[in-house]
């Protein structure tokens, strides 16, 4: 079974690079960020079924709960949003 990783701020920069690196290793990603960029959407297309994009803010408990609810369990969390 593939691990599931929640990454905040996955839409650009270090978060996007971490997302791509972790996807290439076979994990599933729940990406939580305020802005959905074309680069993040391209990664989701490159890895069909492995990326779930959640538009929201990690300082909002409801957004975080919505993201976490997408997985049966989480194996890791990358808190990258700044």
Protein backbone atom coordinates (compact mmCIF):
# COMPACT_ATOMS: atom_id res chain seq x y z
CA UNK A 1 0.00 0.00 0.00
CA UNK A 2 1.30 3.45 -0.93
CA UNK A 3 1.93 5.91 1.89
CA UNK A 4 -0.22 9.03 2.04
CA UNK A 5 1.37 12.41 2.70
CA UNK A 6 -0.36 15.71 3.46
CA UNK A 7 1.63 18.65 2.09
CA UNK A 8 0.74 22.27 2.77
CA UNK A 9 1.85 24.96 0.34
CA UNK A 10 2.25 22.45 -2.49
CA UNK A 11 1.43 24.88 -5.29
CA UNK A 12 4.91 26.34 -5.88
CA UNK A 13 8.52 26.49 -4.74
CA UNK A 14 9.75 24.04 -2.12
CA UNK A 15 6.27 22.60 -1.57
CA UNK A 16 5.84 21.81 -5.27
CA UNK A 17 9.32 20.29 -5.45
CA UNK A 18 8.64 18.17 -2.34
CA UNK A 19 5.33 17.06 -3.83
CA UNK A 20 6.99 15.94 -7.06
CA UNK A 21 9.81 14.17 -5.20
CA UNK A 22 7.40 12.27 -2.94
CA UNK A 23 5.12 11.36 -5.85
CA UNK A 24 8.08 9.95 -7.78
CA UNK A 25 8.75 7.71 -4.78
CA UNK A 26 5.27 6.19 -5.11
CA UNK A 27 3.31 8.01 -2.40
CA UNK A 28 -0.14 9.53 -2.61
CA UNK A 29 -0.43 13.24 -1.89
CA UNK A 30 -3.10 15.41 -0.35
CA UNK A 31 -2.07 18.93 -1.35
CA UNK A 32 -3.50 21.76 0.77
CA UNK A 33 -2.80 25.30 -0.38
CA UNK A 34 -4.53 28.64 -0.89
CA UNK A 35 -3.81 28.85 -4.62
CA UNK A 36 -4.01 26.02 -7.14
CA UNK A 37 -1.35 26.65 -9.77
CA UNK A 38 -1.01 25.19 -13.27
CA UNK A 39 2.21 23.51 -12.11
CA UNK A 40 0.37 21.63 -9.35
CA UNK A 41 -2.44 20.68 -11.73
CA UNK A 42 0.21 19.38 -14.17
CA UNK A 43 1.63 17.14 -11.43
CA UNK A 44 -1.85 15.82 -10.69
CA UNK A 45 -2.24 15.01 -14.39
CA UNK A 46 1.21 13.37 -14.54
CA UNK A 47 0.34 11.14 -11.56
CA UNK A 48 -3.35 10.31 -12.08
CA UNK A 49 -5.15 9.23 -8.93
CA UNK A 50 -2.15 10.01 -6.71
CA UNK A 51 -2.83 13.69 -6.01
CA UNK A 52 -5.84 15.17 -4.26
CA UNK A 53 -5.86 18.95 -4.38
CA UNK A 54 -7.62 20.84 -1.60
CA UNK A 55 -7.90 24.60 -1.88
CA UNK A 56 -7.72 26.05 1.61
CA UNK A 57 -5.55 27.48 4.35
CA UNK A 58 -3.74 25.38 6.93
CA UNK A 59 -4.59 27.97 9.59
CA UNK A 60 -8.28 27.16 9.08
CA UNK A 61 -9.27 24.07 11.08
CA UNK A 62 -12.17 23.28 8.75
CA UNK A 63 -9.85 23.26 5.70
CA UNK A 64 -7.37 20.99 7.47
CA UNK A 65 -10.14 18.64 8.58
CA UNK A 66 -11.46 18.46 5.01
CA UNK A 67 -8.02 17.55 3.72
CA UNK A 68 -7.39 14.92 6.39
CA UNK A 69 -10.80 13.36 5.77
CA UNK A 70 -9.68 12.41 2.26
CA UNK A 71 -7.33 9.73 3.60
CA UNK A 72 -7.91 6.57 5.58
CA UNK A 73 -4.66 7.35 7.36
CA UNK A 74 -1.72 9.73 7.02
CA UNK A 75 1.84 8.48 7.00
CA UNK A 76 3.53 11.89 6.98
CA UNK A 77 2.83 15.61 7.01
CA UNK A 78 4.98 18.27 5.33
CA UNK A 79 4.17 21.70 6.78
CA UNK A 80 5.60 23.95 4.12
CA UNK A 81 3.16 26.86 3.88
CA UNK A 82 4.65 30.20 4.77
